[in-house]
Amino acid sequence: MVQYIQSNHVEATQLGDEWIILHTEKFTVTKLNEIGGFCWGLLNQAQTVDSLIQTLTDQYLTAEEIAKDDIESYLLDLLQFGLIQHVI
């Protein structure tokens, strides 16, 4: 099963309920909302889509179908921005 983890070249800081992620090689800044920041924190260790969905639905009491769509979209965005990578 595919696992994801934060990239090596990122710095993150939390400001209230939001997170600011700086990619130190691409010089990009990405802002995450509370739930995005929650998931970001989980990605400091290898995670699968299923493990993220389970934790998100437990924490925020959201429907699994909605969480699955949101997590898959979120991970795709983070991959495109170079903020996460596949675990090899």
C-alpha atoms as a PDB file:
ATOM      1  CA  MET A   1       0.000   0.000   0.000  1.00  0.00           C
ATOM      2  CA  VAL A   2       1.285   3.483  -0.868  1.00  0.00           C
ATOM      3  CA  GLN A   3       2.528   5.530   2.066  1.00  0.00           C
ATOM      4  CA  TYR A   4       3.203   9.255   2.259  1.00  0.00           C
ATOM      5  CA  ILE A   5       5.457  11.367   4.480  1.00  0.00           C
ATOM      6  CA  GLN A   6       6.528  15.007   4.719  1.00  0.00           C
ATOM      7  CA  SER A   7       9.340  15.994   2.357  1.00  0.00           C
ATOM      8  CA  ASN A   8      12.758  16.770   3.794  1.00  0.00           C
ATOM      9  CA  HIS A   9      12.897  20.333   2.497  1.00  0.00           C
ATOM     10  CA  VAL A  10       9.945  21.832   4.347  1.00  0.00           C
ATOM     11  CA  GLU A  11       9.509  23.946   7.456  1.00  0.00           C
ATOM     12  CA  ALA A  12       6.132  24.361   9.124  1.00  0.00           C
ATOM     13  CA  THR A  13       4.684  26.660  11.738  1.00  0.00           C
ATOM     14  CA  GLN A  14       1.253  26.859  13.284  1.00  0.00           C
ATOM     15  CA  LEU A  15      -0.505  30.223  13.590  1.00  0.00           C
ATOM     16  CA  GLY A  16      -3.731  29.756  15.506  1.00  0.00           C
ATOM     17  CA  ASP A  17      -5.814  27.191  13.637  1.00  0.00           C
ATOM     18  CA  GLU A  18      -3.772  27.516  10.414  1.00  0.00           C
ATOM     19  CA  TRP A  19      -0.446  26.118   9.306  1.00  0.00           C
ATOM     20  CA  ILE A  20       2.144  27.797   7.089  1.00  0.00           C
ATOM     21  CA  ILE A  21       4.379  25.385   5.164  1.00  0.00           C
ATOM     22  CA  LEU A  22       7.578  26.689   3.531  1.00  0.00           C
ATOM     23  CA  HIS A  23       9.325  24.604   0.884  1.00  0.00           C
ATOM     24  CA  THR A  24      12.934  25.682   1.391  1.00  0.00           C
ATOM     25  CA  GLU A  25      14.195  24.622  -2.046  1.00  0.00           C
ATOM     26  CA  LYS A  26      11.282  25.831  -4.180  1.00  0.00           C
ATOM     27  CA  PHE A  27      10.746  28.976  -2.073  1.00  0.00           C
ATOM     28  CA  THR A  28       6.993  28.414  -1.921  1.00  0.00           C
ATOM     29  CA  VAL A  29       4.597  29.042   0.932  1.00  0.00           C
ATOM     30  CA  THR A  30       1.423  26.988   1.423  1.00  0.00           C
ATOM     31  CA  LYS A  31      -1.298  27.793   3.946  1.00  0.00           C
ATOM     32  CA  LEU A  32      -3.348  24.967   5.470  1.00  0.00           C
ATOM     33  CA  ASN A  33      -6.577  25.217   7.429  1.00  0.00           C
ATOM     34  CA  GLU A  34      -7.160  23.443  10.745  1.00  0.00           C
ATOM     35  CA  ILE A  35      -7.969  20.036   9.249  1.00  0.00           C
ATOM     36  CA  GLY A  36      -5.171  20.307   6.684  1.00  0.00           C
ATOM     37  CA  GLY A  37      -2.795  21.138   9.530  1.00  0.00           C
ATOM     38  CA  PHE A  38      -4.065  18.178  11.541  1.00  0.00           C
ATOM     39  CA  CYS A  39      -3.334  15.864   8.608  1.00  0.00           C
ATOM     40  CA  TRP A  40       0.016  17.584   8.050  1.00  0.00           C
ATOM     41  CA  GLY A  41       1.006  16.733  11.608  1.00  0.00           C
ATOM     42  CA  LEU A  42       0.162  13.081  10.999  1.00  0.00           C
ATOM     43  CA  LEU A  43       2.412  13.048   7.934  1.00  0.00           C
ATOM     44  CA  ASN A  44       5.558  13.483  10.035  1.00  0.00           C
ATOM     45  CA  GLN A  45       5.363   9.674  10.060  1.00  0.00           C
ATOM     46  CA  ALA A  46       4.518   7.432   7.112  1.00  0.00           C
ATOM     47  CA  GLN A  47       0.754   7.274   6.520  1.00  0.00           C
ATOM     48  CA  THR A  48      -1.525   5.516   4.054  1.00  0.00           C
ATOM     49  CA  VAL A  49      -4.727   7.000   2.684  1.00  0.00           C
ATOM     50  CA  ASP A  50      -6.665   4.563   4.871  1.00  0.00           C
ATOM     51  CA  SER A  51      -4.771   5.483   8.051  1.00  0.00           C
ATOM     52  CA  LEU A  52      -5.382   9.188   7.419  1.00  0.00           C
ATOM     53  CA  ILE A  53      -9.082   8.576   6.735  1.00  0.00           C
ATOM     54  CA  GLN A  54      -9.467   6.546   9.929  1.00  0.00           C
ATOM     55  CA  THR A  55      -7.761   9.160  12.091  1.00  0.00           C
ATOM     56  CA  LEU A  56      -9.670  12.023  10.462  1.00  0.00           C
ATOM     57  CA  THR A  57     -13.063  10.356  10.877  1.00  0.00           C
ATOM     58  CA  ASP A  58     -12.260   9.516  14.511  1.00  0.00           C
ATOM     59  CA  GLN A  59     -11.088  13.058  15.311  1.00  0.00           C
ATOM     60  CA  TYR A  60     -13.676  15.097  13.404  1.00  0.00           C
ATOM     61  CA  LEU A  61     -16.630  12.662  13.234  1.00  0.00           C
ATOM     62  CA  THR A  62     -16.970  13.097   9.481  1.00  0.00           C
ATOM     63  CA  ALA A  63     -18.396  10.593   6.994  1.00  0.00           C
ATOM     64  CA  GLU A  64     -15.812   8.161   5.647  1.00  0.00           C
ATOM     65  CA  GLU A  65     -16.815   8.764   2.001  1.00  0.00           C
ATOM     66  CA  ILE A  66     -16.339  12.517   2.360  1.00  0.00           C
ATOM     67  CA  ALA A  67     -13.056  12.056   4.208  1.00  0.00           C
ATOM     68  CA  LYS A  68     -11.763   9.699   1.487  1.00  0.00           C
ATOM     69  CA  ASP A  69     -12.436  12.193  -1.307  1.00  0.00           C
ATOM     70  CA  ASP A  70     -10.946  15.057   0.707  1.00  0.00           C
ATOM     71  CA  ILE A  71      -7.824  13.125   1.748  1.00  0.00           C
ATOM     72  CA  GLU A  72      -7.106  11.903  -1.787  1.00  0.00           C
ATOM     73  CA  SER A  73      -7.440  15.444  -3.158  1.00  0.00           C
ATOM     74  CA  TYR A  74      -5.344  16.870  -0.300  1.00  0.00           C
ATOM     75  CA  LEU A  75      -2.527  14.354  -0.835  1.00  0.00           C
ATOM     76  CA  LEU A  76      -2.502  14.995  -4.575  1.00  0.00           C
ATOM     77  CA  ASP A  77      -2.148  18.738  -3.948  1.00  0.00           C
ATOM     78  CA  LEU A  78       0.662  18.227  -1.435  1.00  0.00           C
ATOM     79  CA  LEU A  79       2.476  15.908  -3.860  1.00  0.00           C
ATOM     80  CA  GLN A  80       2.189  18.453  -6.668  1.00  0.00           C
ATOM     81  CA  PHE A  81       3.603  21.175  -4.398  1.00  0.00           C
ATOM     82  CA  GLY A  82       6.473  18.892  -3.362  1.00  0.00           C
ATOM     83  CA  LEU A  83       5.488  19.028   0.306  1.00  0.00           C
ATOM     84  CA  ILE A  84       5.118  15.265   0.726  1.00  0.00           C
ATOM     85  CA  GLN A  85       6.672  12.255  -0.942  1.00  0.00           C
ATOM     86  CA  HIS A  86       6.033   8.560  -1.335  1.00  0.00           C
ATOM     87  CA  VAL A  87       7.737   6.351   1.220  1.00  0.00           C
ATOM     88  CA  ILE A  88      10.117   3.947  -0.451  1.00  0.00           C
END
